[in-house]
Amino acid sequence: MEKQKNGVGRRKEAVTRVFLSKGDGKIIVNDKDYKQYFSLIYLQNKVELPLKTIEGLDKFDIKINASGGGVKGQAEAAKLGIARALLEVSADYRPALKAAGLLMRDPRGVERKKFGKKKARKSFQFSKR
């Protein structure tokens, strides 16, 4: 693999562009180290998950551009983007990534607010008299 591979991950309103190249395991998100950008441990684990699945934590350098949404959405979008970029590197990773459920785009988004309601489903207090 001579040039970088890329993948796009999306989740809720977050979009991440992932650039993967051979290296020694540096992950950079928006020009910061991912441990600094995703300060919560469980979000760091989400970003690492595709690499742990194929035992490639120290084989690739990853650069991620994240925008939109919140920190959690961005972490999950990065997870999908990394998994997709790994598929471009080698199709042999597919069974492991698929078994771990890393190639599925999570379609859940925010439900729209309905008129006559306070939020999407919450109603105003009901008064009989």
C-alpha atoms as a PDB file:
ATOM      1  CA  MET A   1       0.000   0.000   0.000  1.00  0.00           C
ATOM      2  CA  GLU A   2       1.844   3.072  -1.216  1.00  0.00           C
ATOM      3  CA  LYS A   3      -0.743   5.841  -0.993  1.00  0.00           C
ATOM      4  CA  GLN A   4      -3.316   6.642   1.648  1.00  0.00           C
ATOM      5  CA  LYS A   5      -6.770   5.092   1.661  1.00  0.00           C
ATOM      6  CA  ASN A   6      -9.825   6.944   2.825  1.00  0.00           C
ATOM      7  CA  GLY A   7     -13.301   6.315   4.143  1.00  0.00           C
ATOM      8  CA  VAL A   8     -16.265   8.426   5.196  1.00  0.00           C
ATOM      9  CA  GLY A   9     -18.172   7.769   8.399  1.00  0.00           C
ATOM     10  CA  ARG A  10     -21.493   9.308   9.369  1.00  0.00           C
ATOM     11  CA  ARG A  11     -23.603   9.155  12.529  1.00  0.00           C
ATOM     12  CA  LYS A  12     -26.495  11.451  13.508  1.00  0.00           C
ATOM     13  CA  GLU A  13     -25.299  14.880  12.291  1.00  0.00           C
ATOM     14  CA  ALA A  14     -21.583  14.060  12.474  1.00  0.00           C
ATOM     15  CA  VAL A  15     -19.439  13.424   9.398  1.00  0.00           C
ATOM     16  CA  THR A  16     -15.815  12.255   9.498  1.00  0.00           C
ATOM     17  CA  ARG A  17     -13.327  11.875   6.656  1.00  0.00           C
ATOM     18  CA  VAL A  18     -10.685   9.283   7.487  1.00  0.00           C
ATOM     19  CA  PHE A  19      -7.271   9.078   5.806  1.00  0.00           C
ATOM     20  CA  LEU A  20      -5.341   5.880   6.487  1.00  0.00           C
ATOM     21  CA  SER A  21      -1.672   5.307   5.701  1.00  0.00           C
ATOM     22  CA  LYS A  22       1.043   2.871   6.777  1.00  0.00           C
ATOM     23  CA  GLY A  23       2.636   3.980  10.015  1.00  0.00           C
ATOM     24  CA  ASP A  24       3.072   3.270  13.696  1.00  0.00           C
ATOM     25  CA  GLY A  25      -0.338   3.890  15.241  1.00  0.00           C
ATOM     26  CA  LYS A  26      -0.745   7.668  15.448  1.00  0.00           C
ATOM     27  CA  ILE A  27      -4.390   8.784  15.323  1.00  0.00           C
ATOM     28  CA  ILE A  28      -4.961  12.504  14.764  1.00  0.00           C
ATOM     29  CA  VAL A  29      -8.399  14.139  14.869  1.00  0.00           C
ATOM     30  CA  ASN A  30      -8.700  17.750  13.665  1.00  0.00           C
ATOM     31  CA  ASP A  31      -4.934  18.288  14.211  1.00  0.00           C
ATOM     32  CA  LYS A  32      -5.046  17.011  17.812  1.00  0.00           C
ATOM     33  CA  ASP A  33      -4.154  13.615  19.244  1.00  0.00           C
ATOM     34  CA  TYR A  34      -7.340  11.533  19.519  1.00  0.00           C
ATOM     35  CA  LYS A  35      -6.815  11.035  23.262  1.00  0.00           C
ATOM     36  CA  GLN A  36      -6.922  14.808  23.642  1.00  0.00           C
ATOM     37  CA  TYR A  37      -9.885  15.283  21.273  1.00  0.00           C
ATOM     38  CA  PHE A  38     -11.970  12.420  22.715  1.00  0.00           C
ATOM     39  CA  SER A  39     -11.168  12.904  26.396  1.00  0.00           C
ATOM     40  CA  LEU A  40     -13.570  10.165  27.572  1.00  0.00           C
ATOM     41  CA  ILE A  41     -12.033   6.684  27.627  1.00  0.00           C
ATOM     42  CA  TYR A  42     -15.081   4.922  26.170  1.00  0.00           C
ATOM     43  CA  LEU A  43     -15.010   7.214  23.122  1.00  0.00           C
ATOM     44  CA  GLN A  44     -11.297   6.486  22.622  1.00  0.00           C
ATOM     45  CA  ASN A  45     -12.153   2.775  22.733  1.00  0.00           C
ATOM     46  CA  LYS A  46     -14.820   3.291  20.054  1.00  0.00           C
ATOM     47  CA  VAL A  47     -12.269   4.902  17.734  1.00  0.00           C
ATOM     48  CA  GLU A  48      -9.734   2.090  18.364  1.00  0.00           C
ATOM     49  CA  LEU A  49     -12.256  -0.754  17.951  1.00  0.00           C
ATOM     50  CA  PRO A  50     -11.834  -1.424  14.186  1.00  0.00           C
ATOM     51  CA  LEU A  51      -8.027  -1.530  14.594  1.00  0.00           C
ATOM     52  CA  LYS A  52      -8.255  -3.815  17.642  1.00  0.00           C
ATOM     53  CA  THR A  53     -10.575  -6.124  15.679  1.00  0.00           C
ATOM     54  CA  ILE A  54      -7.961  -6.711  12.960  1.00  0.00           C
ATOM     55  CA  GLU A  55      -5.016  -6.469  15.420  1.00  0.00           C
ATOM     56  CA  GLY A  56      -3.582  -3.475  13.568  1.00  0.00           C
ATOM     57  CA  LEU A  57      -3.302  -0.830  16.293  1.00  0.00           C
ATOM     58  CA  ASP A  58       0.356  -0.095  15.506  1.00  0.00           C
ATOM     59  CA  LYS A  59       0.322  -0.661  11.727  1.00  0.00           C
ATOM     60  CA  PHE A  60      -1.499   2.434  10.490  1.00  0.00           C
ATOM     61  CA  ASP A  61      -1.385   6.195  10.880  1.00  0.00           C
ATOM     62  CA  ILE A  62      -4.823   7.765  10.763  1.00  0.00           C
ATOM     63  CA  LYS A  63      -5.836  11.357  10.137  1.00  0.00           C
ATOM     64  CA  ILE A  64      -9.483  12.227  10.771  1.00  0.00           C
ATOM     65  CA  ASN A  65     -11.399  15.385   9.857  1.00  0.00           C
ATOM     66  CA  ALA A  66     -14.514  15.497  12.024  1.00  0.00           C
ATOM     67  CA  SER A  67     -17.338  18.004  11.708  1.00  0.00           C
ATOM     68  CA  GLY A  68     -20.928  18.382  12.835  1.00  0.00           C
ATOM     69  CA  GLY A  69     -22.812  16.727  15.646  1.00  0.00           C
ATOM     70  CA  GLY A  70     -21.396  16.107  19.089  1.00  0.00           C
ATOM     71  CA  VAL A  71     -18.372  14.308  20.444  1.00  0.00           C
ATOM     72  CA  LYS A  72     -20.099  10.916  20.712  1.00  0.00           C
ATOM     73  CA  GLY A  73     -21.523  11.075  17.189  1.00  0.00           C
ATOM     74  CA  GLN A  74     -18.101  12.029  15.856  1.00  0.00           C
ATOM     75  CA  ALA A  75     -16.432   9.111  17.649  1.00  0.00           C
ATOM     76  CA  GLU A  76     -18.949   6.639  16.193  1.00  0.00           C
ATOM     77  CA  ALA A  77     -18.627   8.211  12.748  1.00  0.00           C
ATOM     78  CA  ALA A  78     -14.828   7.861  13.015  1.00  0.00           C
ATOM     79  CA  LYS A  79     -15.293   4.182  13.909  1.00  0.00           C
ATOM     80  CA  LEU A  80     -17.286   3.575  10.708  1.00  0.00           C
ATOM     81  CA  GLY A  81     -14.868   5.627   8.605  1.00  0.00           C
ATOM     82  CA  ILE A  82     -11.845   3.689   9.864  1.00  0.00           C
ATOM     83  CA  ALA A  83     -13.586   0.357   9.216  1.00  0.00           C
ATOM     84  CA  ARG A  84     -14.429   1.432   5.647  1.00  0.00           C
ATOM     85  CA  ALA A  85     -10.880   2.647   5.000  1.00  0.00           C
ATOM     86  CA  LEU A  86      -9.485  -0.675   6.270  1.00  0.00           C
ATOM     87  CA  LEU A  87     -11.635  -2.502   3.705  1.00  0.00           C
ATOM     88  CA  GLU A  88      -9.910  -0.509   0.955  1.00  0.00           C
ATOM     89  CA  VAL A  89      -6.536  -1.649   2.321  1.00  0.00           C
ATOM     90  CA  SER A  90      -7.449  -5.328   2.234  1.00  0.00           C
ATOM     91  CA  ALA A  91     -10.682  -7.226   1.620  1.00  0.00           C
ATOM     92  CA  ASP A  92      -9.421  -9.942   4.014  1.00  0.00           C
ATOM     93  CA  TYR A  93     -10.480  -7.764   6.962  1.00  0.00           C
ATOM     94  CA  ARG A  94     -14.150  -7.886   5.921  1.00  0.00           C
ATOM     95  CA  PRO A  95     -15.314 -11.019   7.838  1.00  0.00           C
ATOM     96  CA  ALA A  96     -13.786  -9.832  11.132  1.00  0.00           C
ATOM     97  CA  LEU A  97     -15.135  -6.280  10.782  1.00  0.00           C
ATOM     98  CA  LYS A  98     -18.572  -7.516   9.714  1.00  0.00           C
ATOM     99  CA  ALA A  99     -18.773  -9.969  12.628  1.00  0.00           C
ATOM    100  CA  ALA A 100     -17.997  -7.109  15.025  1.00  0.00           C
ATOM    101  CA  GLY A 101     -20.788  -5.063  13.402  1.00  0.00           C
ATOM    102  CA  LEU A 102     -18.452  -2.258  12.341  1.00  0.00           C
ATOM    103  CA  LEU A 103     -19.612  -1.887   8.729  1.00  0.00           C
ATOM    104  CA  MET A 104     -23.186  -0.882   9.568  1.00  0.00           C
ATOM    105  CA  ARG A 105     -24.196   2.762   9.421  1.00  0.00           C
ATOM    106  CA  ASP A 106     -26.317   3.499  12.479  1.00  0.00           C
ATOM    107  CA  PRO A 107     -29.424   5.089  10.934  1.00  0.00           C
ATOM    108  CA  ARG A 108     -30.875   6.533  14.137  1.00  0.00           C
ATOM    109  CA  GLY A 109     -31.318  10.283  14.138  1.00  0.00           C
ATOM    110  CA  VAL A 110     -33.357  12.837  16.031  1.00  0.00           C
ATOM    111  CA  GLU A 111     -37.130  12.508  15.709  1.00  0.00           C
ATOM    112  CA  ARG A 112     -38.829  15.673  14.530  1.00  0.00           C
ATOM    113  CA  LYS A 113     -40.942  17.786  16.857  1.00  0.00           C
ATOM    114  CA  LYS A 114     -44.711  17.569  16.273  1.00  0.00           C
ATOM    115  CA  PHE A 115     -47.058  20.538  16.569  1.00  0.00           C
ATOM    116  CA  GLY A 116     -49.271  20.541  19.660  1.00  0.00           C
ATOM    117  CA  LYS A 117     -46.500  18.794  21.585  1.00  0.00           C
ATOM    118  CA  LYS A 118     -43.695  20.102  23.741  1.00  0.00           C
ATOM    119  CA  LYS A 119     -41.015  17.924  22.084  1.00  0.00           C
ATOM    120  CA  ALA A 120     -41.215  14.991  19.656  1.00  0.00           C
ATOM    121  CA  ARG A 121     -43.412  12.907  21.963  1.00  0.00           C
ATOM    122  CA  LYS A 122     -43.682  14.778  25.266  1.00  0.00           C
ATOM    123  CA  SER A 123     -47.048  16.479  25.700  1.00  0.00           C
ATOM    124  CA  PHE A 124     -48.051  19.539  27.650  1.00  0.00           C
ATOM    125  CA  GLN A 125     -49.584  18.867  31.059  1.00  0.00           C
ATOM    126  CA  PHE A 126     -53.169  17.679  30.676  1.00  0.00           C
ATOM    127  CA  SER A 127     -55.836  19.357  32.745  1.00  0.00           C
ATOM    128  CA  LYS A 128     -59.311  17.883  32.793  1.00  0.00           C
ATOM    129  CA  ARG A 129     -60.935  21.036  34.252  1.00  0.00           C
END
